Amino acid sequence: MSVTPLNSEFKLQVFKLLYDQANEEERAAIETTLQKNERAVGWYIEQSMICATLRMNSEASQEERYEDIPSFDSEEMMALAEYEKFAPSVHIPEPDEEEAVIRKLHVVEKTPRKINKLSLFSTIISTAAFLAVVAYLHFSPLPVSQPVATLTDMTHAVWSAGDDDLSKGRQIGAGNWHELLQGFAEITFDNGAVVTLESPVSFMCQSAGSMYVESGKLFTKVSPRAVGFTIDTPHSKIIDLGTEFGINVDKKVCDVQVHKGLVRLYAQPEDEQTPGEHRQVKAGQACSVKADSRKISRIQYDVSRYQTSLPSAYEAAVRAKKPVYYWNFEGSRQDPLKNMMNTDYGSSIYPSSVQFTDGPVLEEKRDNQAIVLSDIPIEISDTVIKQLGKNNKDYTYIVWVRPDAVLRKSGSNIITTAVEKNGKISSCRQIRLNSNGKFQDSFGKGKAETSGWVISKTVAQPGQWYMVAVVANGYKKKLFVNGVNEVSNPHSHGVGENARNSQHKYYFGYVSDKLGNVMGTKHRPPFEGAIDEVAIFDRALTDKEIKKLYKTVSHKR
């Protein structure tokens, strides 16, 4: 059972329950919270006792009104009733007229009853409390919390039903729960800490320098004036000492990756009376706190698993469609080339000769980096994914390409997907710029390029960026340039064979003689130009999806 801080919605539901105004849905919500949060149990018991005390005092004051009335024995009353049945009649003479008039005017003075001051006071307090709660429910259903942070930016963000009013520039109050269901968001706390949220994530801002994260992934950049920024989770506490770090929280574990500086990590004990284990985590280190043991252990450092800053609208749109692979070539040559969708596969290292350049401007006022291809290809081996889509014939490749020259004699390969079987390349697929300066996709097997070519109508111009997409759906293949379907053609081949002991390899750029033999050409010179934003999907994206992706780019060049 966790000790999550209580939100105002739960407190409101409890007040309504104690005063018989809660509906079935609210009762069920209270029960769910009580099962998960021991702090909620304690607060609920406390409020129930207060309410019960007020009601007892109120009832006691009502009973005291009748304390002077004598009690009657029930058996005695029954005996009198039986005697009444057989008793002789009694004649009562009629009073004279003067006596009757006097009787009508005679007023019997009542004996004043002694009032208990404590009971009166309890009744007044109880009534006042009830009226206050009623007024609270009707006129102020949710208290206004003190703003402690600002939603400074967001990309493709979708919030939970209670957060419909969250928009860029909106202030965020303390003590309110928020849930980011899709996309990314950036929050700047009043103390200067900047937090990048990656959906799905559930959190609450606690103060101008702290937050509570129930579950999800985020990355924090803390300026010198924000040192001491604190993040609480169900089973850990992270106190910043001037740094950049990422956390990933779920019910079982909390991972902490420190990119710069230093943090102090605490394992929150289940028993709050017992001191928890703690450790300092330095830059380039990572630790984990497990919920079951509440122990801290070292894990492999890999900050590339985190979105360190808000992505462009284009990147967020691509990731929302869940590609199998996505390489955006950010970072430096010392950093590994990581698959942004899952760093457990599709990763590699850059060759020492790799060069970076400015990428396509996917969003105004936002830097973007691309790689320049050379005579040393970037090679990515993958033994995890054996096929893409149904029977390996449903897939989508998307790549941004900037040719710097067109090789008129042979053309050049941009991306090559090769399948190795028993250590030998058995087939491969290529996206290339042909000798006419057009984009082309084809399949090679057995020392020859086979059928199923698709060639663009667009003739590429040196120095200009193009979004090229190849989509295969069953036995039909399409080629898009800048969101427009330029050609479609039947084809009979997938990405590659899926035989036992096969392995996929992806090559960016240069094609070796070994690959050239499979493609029917012994040697092709390297592609002269740059590529960026390579995404590979295990399904065929629709024409509408491809067009919409290109339209997310606010400023193209």
Protein backbone atom coordinates (compact mmCIF):
# COMPACT_ATOMS: atom_id res chain seq x y z
CA MET A 1 0.00 0.00 0.00
CA SER A 2 1.45 3.36 -1.01
CA VAL A 3 1.56 6.68 0.86
CA THR A 4 0.57 8.87 -2.06
CA PRO A 5 -0.35 12.44 -1.08
CA LEU A 6 -4.08 13.09 -0.97
CA ASN A 7 -5.71 15.19 -3.65
CA SER A 8 -8.65 17.54 -3.19
CA GLU A 9 -10.98 15.36 -5.26
CA PHE A 10 -10.67 12.46 -2.79
CA LYS A 11 -11.28 14.79 0.17
CA LEU A 12 -14.36 16.21 -1.51
CA GLN A 13 -15.73 12.70 -2.12
CA VAL A 14 -15.23 11.80 1.57
CA PHE A 15 -17.05 14.94 2.78
CA LYS A 16 -19.97 14.10 0.50
CA LEU A 17 -20.01 10.51 1.80
CA LEU A 18 -20.01 11.55 5.47
CA TYR A 19 -22.98 13.85 4.85
CA ASP A 20 -24.90 11.32 2.71
CA GLN A 21 -24.41 13.17 -0.59
CA ALA A 22 -22.04 10.77 -2.42
CA ASN A 23 -23.30 8.74 -5.38
CA GLU A 24 -22.31 5.15 -6.22
CA GLU A 25 -19.43 6.20 -8.49
CA GLU A 26 -17.93 8.41 -5.79
CA ARG A 27 -18.33 5.66 -3.18
CA ALA A 28 -16.48 3.22 -5.46
CA ALA A 29 -13.70 5.78 -6.04
CA ILE A 30 -13.28 6.23 -2.28
CA GLU A 31 -13.05 2.48 -1.76
CA THR A 32 -10.42 2.14 -4.49
CA THR A 33 -8.29 4.93 -2.98
CA LEU A 34 -8.54 3.42 0.51
CA GLN A 35 -7.30 0.07 -0.79
CA LYS A 36 -4.22 1.64 -2.40
CA ASN A 37 -3.21 4.46 -0.07
CA GLU A 38 -2.62 4.05 3.66
CA ARG A 39 -2.44 7.82 4.13
CA ALA A 40 -5.96 8.04 2.77
CA VAL A 41 -7.10 5.42 5.31
CA GLY A 42 -5.77 7.44 8.23
CA TRP A 43 -7.30 10.68 7.00
CA TYR A 44 -10.66 8.99 6.34
CA ILE A 45 -10.78 7.51 9.86
CA GLU A 46 -9.94 10.89 11.38
CA GLN A 47 -12.71 12.67 9.45
CA SER A 48 -15.21 9.90 10.26
CA MET A 49 -14.51 10.24 13.99
CA ILE A 50 -14.97 14.01 13.86
CA CYS A 51 -18.26 13.63 12.01
CA ALA A 52 -19.46 10.91 14.41
CA THR A 53 -18.62 13.08 17.45
CA LEU A 54 -20.58 16.02 16.07
CA ARG A 55 -23.59 13.82 15.37
CA MET A 56 -23.49 12.21 18.84
CA ASN A 57 -23.46 15.61 20.52
CA SER A 58 -26.32 16.75 18.36
CA GLU A 59 -28.38 13.67 19.21
CA ALA A 60 -27.55 14.02 22.91
CA SER A 61 -28.85 17.58 22.97
CA GLN A 62 -32.13 16.35 21.46
CA GLU A 63 -32.49 13.63 24.09
CA GLU A 64 -31.95 16.09 26.97
CA ARG A 65 -35.23 17.83 26.07
CA TYR A 66 -37.11 14.82 27.43
CA GLU A 67 -34.97 14.00 30.47
CA ASP A 68 -37.59 15.48 32.89
CA ILE A 69 -40.47 13.39 31.53
CA PRO A 70 -41.19 10.48 33.96
CA SER A 71 -40.94 6.97 32.63
CA PHE A 72 -43.86 4.47 32.92
CA ASP A 73 -43.83 0.81 33.71
CA SER A 74 -45.45 -1.08 30.83
CA GLU A 75 -46.92 -3.86 33.04
CA GLU A 76 -48.54 -1.30 35.34
CA MET A 77 -50.11 0.46 32.38
CA MET A 78 -51.54 -2.84 31.05
CA ALA A 79 -53.11 -3.61 34.48
CA LEU A 80 -54.76 -0.20 34.58
CA ALA A 81 -56.14 -0.79 31.10
CA GLU A 82 -57.76 -4.10 32.18
CA TYR A 83 -59.29 -2.50 35.29
CA GLU A 84 -60.76 0.24 33.15
CA LYS A 85 -62.88 -2.36 31.33
CA PHE A 86 -64.82 -3.41 34.49
CA ALA A 87 -64.60 -0.34 36.75
CA PRO A 88 -67.98 1.30 37.77
CA SER A 89 -68.87 4.48 35.98
CA VAL A 90 -68.24 7.78 37.71
CA HIS A 91 -70.64 10.69 37.42
CA ILE A 92 -68.95 14.10 37.04
CA PRO A 93 -71.31 17.01 37.59
CA GLU A 94 -71.43 19.77 34.97
CA PRO A 95 -69.65 22.95 36.16
CA ASP A 96 -71.66 26.14 36.35
CA GLU A 97 -71.22 28.75 33.66
CA GLU A 98 -69.01 31.06 35.72
CA GLU A 99 -66.57 28.27 36.61
CA ALA A 100 -66.36 27.23 32.95
CA VAL A 101 -65.45 30.74 31.89
CA ILE A 102 -62.80 30.94 34.54
CA ARG A 103 -61.37 27.59 33.40
CA LYS A 104 -61.07 28.85 29.83
CA LEU A 105 -59.15 31.95 30.95
CA HIS A 106 -56.91 30.20 33.45
CA VAL A 107 -53.29 29.86 32.20
CA VAL A 108 -50.98 27.34 33.80
CA GLU A 109 -47.42 28.56 34.01
CA LYS A 110 -44.82 26.07 32.68
CA THR A 111 -41.76 25.27 34.73
CA PRO A 112 -38.67 26.53 32.87
CA ARG A 113 -36.33 23.73 31.76
CA LYS A 114 -32.65 23.97 32.54
CA ILE A 115 -30.56 24.20 29.31
CA ASN A 116 -27.25 22.33 29.09
CA LYS A 117 -24.73 24.86 27.73
CA LEU A 118 -22.34 22.15 26.42
CA SER A 119 -25.14 20.51 24.45
CA LEU A 120 -26.24 23.85 23.04
CA PHE A 121 -22.68 24.65 21.99
CA SER A 122 -22.25 21.21 20.34
CA THR A 123 -25.50 21.65 18.43
CA ILE A 124 -24.43 25.07 17.16
CA ILE A 125 -21.00 23.74 16.07
CA SER A 126 -22.53 20.72 14.36
CA THR A 127 -25.06 22.85 12.49
CA ALA A 128 -22.42 25.37 11.47
CA ALA A 129 -20.12 22.60 10.23
CA PHE A 130 -22.89 21.05 8.18
CA LEU A 131 -23.84 24.39 6.63
CA ALA A 132 -20.17 25.09 5.84
CA VAL A 133 -19.78 21.73 4.08
CA VAL A 134 -23.00 22.29 2.10
CA ALA A 135 -21.80 25.72 1.04
CA TYR A 136 -18.40 24.24 0.13
CA LEU A 137 -19.99 21.54 -2.01
CA HIS A 138 -22.32 23.92 -3.84
CA PHE A 139 -20.19 26.98 -4.31
CA SER A 140 -16.54 25.81 -4.15
CA PRO A 141 -16.39 22.19 -5.34
CA LEU A 142 -12.61 22.30 -5.86
CA PRO A 143 -10.33 24.60 -3.86
CA VAL A 144 -7.99 26.84 -5.83
CA SER A 145 -4.40 25.69 -5.24
CA GLN A 146 -1.34 27.91 -5.20
CA PRO A 147 0.42 28.02 -8.63
CA VAL A 148 3.90 26.52 -8.38
CA ALA A 149 4.82 25.75 -12.03
CA THR A 150 3.95 26.59 -15.65
CA LEU A 151 3.22 24.36 -18.64
CA THR A 152 5.79 26.01 -20.91
CA ASP A 153 5.41 23.79 -23.99
CA MET A 154 3.93 20.56 -25.29
CA THR A 155 3.95 18.44 -28.45
CA HIS A 156 1.03 16.24 -29.55
CA ALA A 157 -0.08 16.19 -25.90
CA VAL A 158 -3.31 14.46 -24.86
CA TRP A 159 -4.30 14.84 -21.20
CA SER A 160 -6.79 12.92 -19.06
CA ALA A 161 -10.41 14.10 -18.82
CA GLY A 162 -9.81 16.29 -15.78
CA ASP A 163 -6.97 18.18 -17.49
CA ASP A 164 -8.83 19.44 -20.56
CA ASP A 165 -8.01 23.05 -19.68
CA LEU A 166 -4.23 22.51 -19.71
CA SER A 167 -2.65 24.56 -22.47
CA LYS A 168 0.69 26.19 -23.23
CA GLY A 169 1.42 28.94 -20.72
CA ARG A 170 -1.07 27.61 -18.16
CA GLN A 171 -0.07 27.75 -14.50
CA ILE A 172 -0.14 24.50 -12.54
CA GLY A 173 -1.22 24.48 -8.92
CA ALA A 174 0.10 22.41 -6.04
CA GLY A 175 -1.76 19.30 -4.93
CA ASN A 176 -3.61 18.50 -8.17
CA TRP A 177 -3.12 15.24 -10.08
CA HIS A 178 -2.36 15.32 -13.81
CA GLU A 179 -2.01 12.51 -16.34
CA LEU A 180 -0.34 12.87 -19.74
CA LEU A 181 -1.81 10.11 -21.92
CA GLN A 182 -0.05 10.84 -25.22
CA GLY A 183 2.75 13.04 -26.51
CA PHE A 184 5.25 15.18 -24.60
CA ALA A 185 5.10 18.18 -22.29
CA GLU A 186 7.54 20.59 -20.66
CA ILE A 187 6.95 22.04 -17.19
CA THR A 188 9.01 24.84 -15.67
CA PHE A 189 8.80 25.08 -11.88
CA ASP A 190 8.88 28.45 -10.17
CA ASN A 191 12.34 27.67 -8.75
CA GLY A 192 13.71 27.21 -12.31
CA ALA A 193 13.75 23.42 -12.70
CA VAL A 194 12.64 22.27 -16.18
CA VAL A 195 10.98 18.85 -16.51
CA THR A 196 10.32 17.09 -19.83
CA LEU A 197 7.47 14.57 -19.55
CA GLU A 198 7.12 11.58 -21.88
CA SER A 199 3.71 9.91 -22.00
CA PRO A 200 2.21 8.07 -20.30
CA VAL A 201 3.00 9.74 -16.99
CA SER A 202 0.98 10.51 -13.84
CA PHE A 203 2.25 13.27 -11.55
CA MET A 204 1.48 16.05 -9.08
CA CYS A 205 3.33 19.31 -8.42
CA GLN A 206 3.83 19.56 -4.66
CA SER A 207 5.61 22.91 -4.38
CA ALA A 208 7.73 25.35 -6.38
CA GLY A 209 10.64 22.93 -5.90
CA SER A 210 9.16 19.44 -5.73
CA MET A 211 6.84 17.00 -7.47
CA TYR A 212 5.36 13.54 -6.94
CA VAL A 213 5.51 10.99 -9.79
CA GLU A 214 3.20 7.99 -9.53
CA SER A 215 4.38 6.41 -12.80
CA GLY A 216 6.06 7.37 -16.06
CA LYS A 217 9.26 8.73 -17.57
CA LEU A 218 10.73 12.24 -17.35
CA PHE A 219 14.00 14.15 -17.65
CA THR A 220 14.93 17.06 -15.40
CA LYS A 221 17.33 19.97 -15.95
CA VAL A 222 18.09 21.89 -12.78
CA SER A 223 19.72 25.32 -12.86
CA PRO A 224 22.01 26.47 -10.00
CA ARG A 225 19.21 28.45 -8.37
CA ALA A 226 16.97 25.36 -8.38
CA VAL A 227 19.41 23.07 -6.55
CA GLY A 228 17.49 20.91 -4.08
CA PHE A 229 14.67 20.14 -6.50
CA THR A 230 13.00 16.97 -5.20
CA ILE A 231 11.02 14.18 -6.84
CA ASP A 232 9.03 11.74 -4.70
CA THR A 233 7.81 8.38 -6.03
CA PRO A 234 5.89 5.54 -4.35
CA HIS A 235 9.17 3.88 -3.31
CA SER A 236 11.96 6.47 -3.66
CA LYS A 237 13.00 10.10 -3.25
CA ILE A 238 15.47 11.93 -5.52
CA ILE A 239 17.06 15.18 -4.34
CA ASP A 240 18.97 17.14 -6.96
CA LEU A 241 22.35 18.66 -6.18
CA GLY A 242 22.70 20.64 -9.41
CA THR A 243 22.32 18.29 -12.35
CA GLU A 244 20.50 16.75 -15.28
CA PHE A 245 18.88 13.38 -14.66
CA GLY A 246 16.10 11.11 -15.87
CA ILE A 247 13.76 8.81 -13.96
CA ASN A 248 11.47 5.99 -15.04
CA VAL A 249 8.89 4.87 -12.47
CA ASP A 250 6.37 2.03 -12.37
CA LYS A 251 4.84 -0.15 -9.65
CA LYS A 252 7.90 -2.38 -9.38
CA VAL A 253 10.90 -0.12 -9.79
CA CYS A 254 12.30 3.42 -10.07
CA ASP A 255 15.34 3.88 -12.35
CA VAL A 256 17.51 6.99 -12.06
CA GLN A 257 20.03 8.00 -14.76
CA VAL A 258 22.32 10.95 -13.97
CA HIS A 259 23.59 12.74 -17.09
CA LYS A 260 25.36 15.65 -15.37
CA GLY A 261 26.13 16.61 -11.78
CA LEU A 262 24.99 14.69 -8.73
CA VAL A 263 21.77 13.51 -7.05
CA ARG A 264 21.00 11.91 -3.69
CA LEU A 265 18.74 8.86 -4.04
CA TYR A 266 16.68 7.52 -1.13
CA ALA A 267 14.80 4.24 -0.95
CA GLN A 268 11.51 4.97 0.82
CA PRO A 269 10.89 2.29 3.48
CA GLU A 270 7.42 0.75 3.75
CA ASP A 271 7.58 1.51 7.48
CA GLU A 272 8.02 5.28 7.74
CA GLN A 273 9.58 4.82 11.19
CA THR A 274 12.53 2.91 9.68
CA PRO A 275 15.32 4.92 8.02
CA GLY A 276 15.71 4.08 4.34
CA GLU A 277 18.84 3.27 2.36
CA HIS A 278 20.38 6.18 0.45
CA ARG A 279 23.18 6.76 -2.05
CA GLN A 280 24.76 9.55 -4.06
CA VAL A 281 24.61 8.99 -7.83
CA LYS A 282 27.17 10.81 -10.00
CA ALA A 283 27.20 11.81 -13.67
CA GLY A 284 27.46 8.77 -15.93
CA GLN A 285 25.96 6.50 -13.26
CA ALA A 286 22.54 4.90 -12.89
CA CYS A 287 20.75 3.23 -9.98
CA SER A 288 17.47 1.45 -9.38
CA VAL A 289 15.14 1.14 -6.39
CA LYS A 290 12.96 -1.98 -6.33
CA ALA A 291 9.55 -1.70 -4.67
CA ASP A 292 9.62 -5.17 -3.11
CA SER A 293 13.03 -4.94 -1.40
CA ARG A 294 13.37 -1.13 -1.07
CA LYS A 295 17.06 -1.62 -1.89
CA ILE A 296 19.28 0.49 -4.18
CA SER A 297 21.33 -1.27 -6.85
CA ARG A 298 23.54 -0.15 -9.74
CA ILE A 299 22.26 -0.54 -13.31
CA GLN A 300 23.74 0.21 -16.74
CA TYR A 301 23.94 3.89 -17.62
CA ASP A 302 22.04 4.75 -20.81
CA VAL A 303 20.62 8.27 -20.87
CA SER A 304 19.61 7.80 -24.52
CA ARG A 305 16.51 6.04 -23.19
CA TYR A 306 15.17 9.47 -22.17
CA GLN A 307 13.74 12.40 -24.07
CA THR A 308 16.10 15.08 -22.75
CA SER A 309 14.18 17.93 -24.37
CA LEU A 310 10.86 18.45 -26.06
CA PRO A 311 10.83 16.79 -29.52
CA SER A 312 9.67 18.48 -32.69
CA ALA A 313 6.09 17.98 -33.80
CA TYR A 314 7.37 15.74 -36.60
CA GLU A 315 9.35 13.48 -34.24
CA ALA A 316 6.41 13.22 -31.84
CA ALA A 317 4.08 12.31 -34.73
CA VAL A 318 6.47 9.58 -35.95
CA ARG A 319 6.90 8.09 -32.48
CA ALA A 320 3.14 8.13 -31.90
CA LYS A 321 2.79 5.73 -34.85
CA LYS A 322 5.15 3.30 -33.07
CA PRO A 323 7.82 2.39 -35.61
CA VAL A 324 10.02 -0.62 -34.95
CA TYR A 325 13.11 1.51 -35.56
CA TYR A 326 13.67 5.24 -35.39
CA TRP A 327 17.09 6.88 -35.72
CA ASN A 328 17.30 10.69 -35.53
CA PHE A 329 21.12 10.99 -35.40
CA GLU A 330 21.28 13.46 -32.52
CA GLY A 331 24.26 13.48 -30.16
CA SER A 332 27.96 13.19 -31.02
CA ARG A 333 30.22 10.59 -32.60
CA GLN A 334 31.23 9.46 -29.10
CA ASP A 335 27.62 8.58 -28.31
CA PRO A 336 26.18 5.29 -29.56
CA LEU A 337 23.63 5.38 -32.36
CA LYS A 338 20.43 4.35 -30.60
CA ASN A 339 17.07 3.14 -31.82
CA MET A 340 14.80 5.74 -30.20
CA MET A 341 11.91 3.28 -29.89
CA ASN A 342 13.79 0.56 -28.01
CA THR A 343 17.48 0.71 -27.14
CA ASP A 344 17.58 -3.06 -26.61
CA TYR A 345 17.90 -3.61 -30.36
CA GLY A 346 18.75 -1.71 -33.55
CA SER A 347 21.73 0.12 -32.03
CA SER A 348 25.26 0.64 -33.30
CA ILE A 349 28.31 2.90 -33.09
CA TYR A 350 29.34 5.63 -35.49
CA PRO A 351 32.44 5.09 -37.65
CA SER A 352 35.31 7.37 -36.68
CA SER A 353 34.99 9.24 -39.97
CA VAL A 354 31.33 10.19 -39.48
CA GLN A 355 30.44 13.83 -39.96
CA PHE A 356 27.35 15.73 -38.86
CA THR A 357 25.55 18.56 -40.61
CA ASP A 358 22.39 20.63 -40.26
CA GLY A 359 19.33 18.52 -40.86
CA PRO A 360 15.99 19.50 -42.36
CA VAL A 361 14.29 22.30 -40.46
CA LEU A 362 11.41 20.31 -39.00
CA GLU A 363 10.33 23.17 -36.76
CA GLU A 364 11.24 26.83 -36.70
CA LYS A 365 13.77 27.95 -34.08
CA ARG A 366 14.72 24.34 -33.33
CA ASP A 367 18.11 22.85 -34.23
CA ASN A 368 18.19 19.50 -35.99
CA GLN A 369 21.19 17.33 -36.81
CA ALA A 370 21.80 14.90 -39.69
CA ILE A 371 24.70 12.66 -40.74
CA VAL A 372 26.81 12.93 -43.87
CA LEU A 373 27.24 9.53 -45.53
CA SER A 374 30.72 8.46 -46.56
CA ASP A 375 32.63 5.51 -48.02
CA ILE A 376 32.37 3.78 -44.62
CA PRO A 377 28.75 2.68 -44.12
CA ILE A 378 26.94 2.75 -40.80
CA GLU A 379 26.06 -0.89 -40.15
CA ILE A 380 23.30 -2.01 -37.76
CA SER A 381 22.84 -5.71 -37.00
CA ASP A 382 19.58 -6.97 -35.55
CA THR A 383 18.77 -10.44 -34.31
CA VAL A 384 15.61 -9.41 -32.44
CA ILE A 385 13.27 -8.51 -35.29
CA LYS A 386 13.02 -11.30 -37.85
CA GLN A 387 10.37 -9.80 -40.07
CA LEU A 388 8.38 -6.65 -40.70
CA GLY A 389 4.62 -6.92 -40.98
CA LYS A 390 2.52 -9.85 -42.16
CA ASN A 391 4.74 -12.45 -43.88
CA ASN A 392 7.38 -9.71 -44.11
CA LYS A 393 5.44 -8.03 -46.94
CA ASP A 394 3.84 -5.16 -44.98
CA TYR A 395 6.26 -2.42 -44.07
CA THR A 396 7.08 1.29 -44.39
CA TYR A 397 10.46 2.99 -44.74
CA ILE A 398 10.75 6.76 -44.25
CA VAL A 399 13.97 8.75 -44.65
CA TRP A 400 14.85 12.39 -45.14
CA VAL A 401 17.48 12.72 -47.91
CA ARG A 402 19.66 15.59 -49.08
CA PRO A 403 21.69 14.64 -52.18
CA ASP A 404 24.76 16.78 -52.75
CA ALA A 405 25.50 15.25 -56.15
CA VAL A 406 23.99 12.76 -58.60
CA LEU A 407 26.25 9.93 -59.79
CA ARG A 408 25.23 9.71 -63.44
CA LYS A 409 26.90 6.39 -64.20
CA SER A 410 25.64 4.04 -61.51
CA GLY A 411 23.62 5.88 -58.92
CA SER A 412 24.21 5.25 -55.21
CA ASN A 413 22.53 3.47 -52.31
CA ILE A 414 20.97 5.42 -49.43
CA ILE A 415 19.60 2.59 -47.25
CA THR A 416 20.20 -1.12 -47.80
CA THR A 417 18.47 -3.89 -45.86
CA ALA A 418 20.39 -7.18 -46.18
CA VAL A 419 19.48 -10.66 -44.97
CA GLU A 420 22.29 -12.94 -43.97
CA LYS A 421 21.76 -16.68 -43.77
CA ASN A 422 24.47 -18.88 -42.31
CA GLY A 423 26.91 -16.00 -42.62
CA LYS A 424 26.14 -15.23 -46.27
CA ILE A 425 24.00 -12.44 -47.72
CA SER A 426 21.06 -14.11 -49.46
CA SER A 427 18.94 -11.09 -50.42
CA CYS A 428 18.67 -7.37 -49.87
CA ARG A 429 16.43 -4.37 -50.47
CA GLN A 430 17.66 -0.91 -51.34
CA ILE A 431 16.43 2.67 -51.44
CA ARG A 432 18.78 4.60 -53.71
CA LEU A 433 19.23 7.60 -55.93
CA ASN A 434 19.56 6.23 -59.48
CA SER A 435 21.71 7.56 -62.30
CA ASN A 436 18.85 9.82 -63.48
CA GLY A 437 18.62 11.55 -60.11
CA LYS A 438 15.36 9.82 -59.17
CA PHE A 439 14.56 7.91 -55.98
CA GLN A 440 14.20 4.16 -56.51
CA ASP A 441 13.34 1.11 -54.41
CA SER A 442 14.17 -2.43 -55.58
CA PHE A 443 14.88 -5.93 -54.36
CA GLY A 444 17.93 -8.08 -55.14
CA LYS A 445 18.46 -11.79 -54.91
CA GLY A 446 20.79 -14.20 -56.61
CA LYS A 447 23.12 -11.63 -58.19
CA ALA A 448 20.34 -9.64 -59.86
CA GLU A 449 17.79 -6.93 -59.14
CA THR A 450 14.37 -8.51 -59.51
CA SER A 451 10.93 -7.11 -60.36
CA GLY A 452 8.97 -4.72 -58.22
CA TRP A 453 10.89 -1.53 -58.90
CA VAL A 454 9.31 1.77 -58.01
CA ILE A 455 10.90 4.97 -59.31
CA SER A 456 9.87 8.49 -58.39
CA LYS A 457 8.79 11.15 -60.85
CA THR A 458 10.68 13.76 -58.86
CA VAL A 459 14.22 14.50 -59.98
CA ALA A 460 16.26 15.36 -56.89
CA GLN A 461 18.05 18.70 -56.81
CA PRO A 462 21.42 18.91 -55.01
CA GLY A 463 21.29 20.61 -51.63
CA GLN A 464 17.54 20.16 -51.10
CA TRP A 465 15.89 17.96 -48.46
CA TYR A 466 13.23 15.40 -49.45
CA MET A 467 11.05 13.11 -47.33
CA VAL A 468 11.09 9.76 -49.14
CA ALA A 469 8.71 6.97 -48.08
CA VAL A 470 8.37 3.42 -49.45
CA VAL A 471 5.19 1.58 -48.42
CA ALA A 472 4.48 -2.11 -49.11
CA ASN A 473 1.03 -3.54 -48.49
CA GLY A 474 0.76 -7.19 -49.42
CA TYR A 475 1.89 -7.30 -53.04
CA LYS A 476 1.54 -3.61 -53.80
CA LYS A 477 4.30 -1.09 -53.26
CA LYS A 478 4.17 2.74 -53.32
CA LEU A 479 6.81 5.44 -53.33
CA PHE A 480 6.10 8.90 -51.82
CA VAL A 481 8.14 12.08 -52.14
CA ASN A 482 7.25 14.93 -49.75
CA GLY A 483 3.95 13.29 -48.82
CA VAL A 484 2.77 12.69 -52.41
CA ASN A 485 2.28 9.18 -53.83
CA GLU A 486 4.24 9.33 -57.08
CA VAL A 487 4.13 5.68 -58.19
CA SER A 488 2.71 2.27 -57.25
CA ASN A 489 3.64 -1.14 -58.60
CA PRO A 490 2.89 -4.80 -57.87
CA HIS A 491 5.78 -6.65 -56.27
CA SER A 492 6.48 -10.17 -55.13
CA HIS A 493 9.15 -9.69 -52.52
CA GLY A 494 9.24 -8.57 -48.93
CA VAL A 495 12.01 -6.87 -47.01
CA GLY A 496 14.00 -10.09 -47.12
CA GLU A 497 13.83 -13.76 -46.40
CA ASN A 498 12.84 -15.03 -42.98
CA ALA A 499 14.56 -18.37 -43.06
CA ARG A 500 15.88 -19.98 -39.91
CA ASN A 501 19.29 -18.66 -38.80
CA SER A 502 18.76 -15.44 -40.79
CA GLN A 503 19.81 -12.02 -39.57
CA HIS A 504 18.83 -8.55 -40.76
CA LYS A 505 21.43 -5.86 -41.31
CA TYR A 506 20.84 -2.23 -42.18
CA TYR A 507 23.44 -0.19 -44.06
CA PHE A 508 23.33 3.58 -44.39
CA GLY A 509 25.34 4.71 -47.43
CA TYR A 510 28.13 2.81 -49.15
CA VAL A 511 27.50 -0.64 -50.71
CA SER A 512 30.41 -3.07 -50.50
CA ASP A 513 31.41 -5.55 -53.20
CA LYS A 514 29.82 -8.28 -51.10
CA LEU A 515 26.46 -6.49 -51.22
CA GLY A 516 27.00 -5.46 -54.81
CA ASN A 517 27.30 -9.06 -55.90
CA VAL A 518 23.82 -9.74 -54.52
CA MET A 519 22.40 -6.62 -56.12
CA GLY A 520 23.83 -7.47 -59.54
CA THR A 521 26.46 -4.75 -59.48
CA LYS A 522 29.91 -5.37 -58.13
CA HIS A 523 30.53 -1.91 -56.75
CA ARG A 524 28.57 1.29 -56.28
CA PRO A 525 30.24 4.46 -55.08
CA PRO A 526 29.00 5.94 -51.79
CA PHE A 527 25.98 8.22 -51.71
CA GLU A 528 27.09 11.83 -51.67
CA GLY A 529 24.82 13.68 -49.30
CA ALA A 530 23.14 13.48 -45.91
CA ILE A 531 20.25 11.58 -44.34
CA ASP A 532 18.10 12.11 -41.25
CA GLU A 533 15.02 10.84 -39.40
CA VAL A 534 15.10 7.20 -40.56
CA ALA A 535 11.97 5.30 -39.44
CA ILE A 536 10.97 1.70 -40.26
CA PHE A 537 7.47 0.40 -39.47
CA ASP A 538 6.16 -3.17 -39.39
CA ARG A 539 2.96 -2.13 -41.15
CA ALA A 540 1.90 -0.24 -44.24
CA LEU A 541 1.11 3.37 -43.39
CA THR A 542 -1.83 4.81 -45.31
CA ASP A 543 -1.57 7.60 -47.87
CA LYS A 544 -3.29 9.90 -45.37
CA GLU A 545 -0.76 9.08 -42.63
CA ILE A 546 2.21 9.78 -44.90
CA LYS A 547 0.72 13.08 -46.05
CA LYS A 548 -0.10 14.12 -42.49
CA LEU A 549 3.44 13.35 -41.32
CA TYR A 550 4.90 15.64 -43.96
CA LYS A 551 2.42 18.39 -43.06
CA THR A 552 3.61 18.40 -39.43
CA VAL A 553 6.85 19.99 -40.65
CA SER A 554 6.22 23.68 -40.09
CA HIS A 555 9.18 24.95 -42.11
CA LYS A 556 10.75 22.79 -44.81
CA ARG A 557 13.97 23.20 -46.71
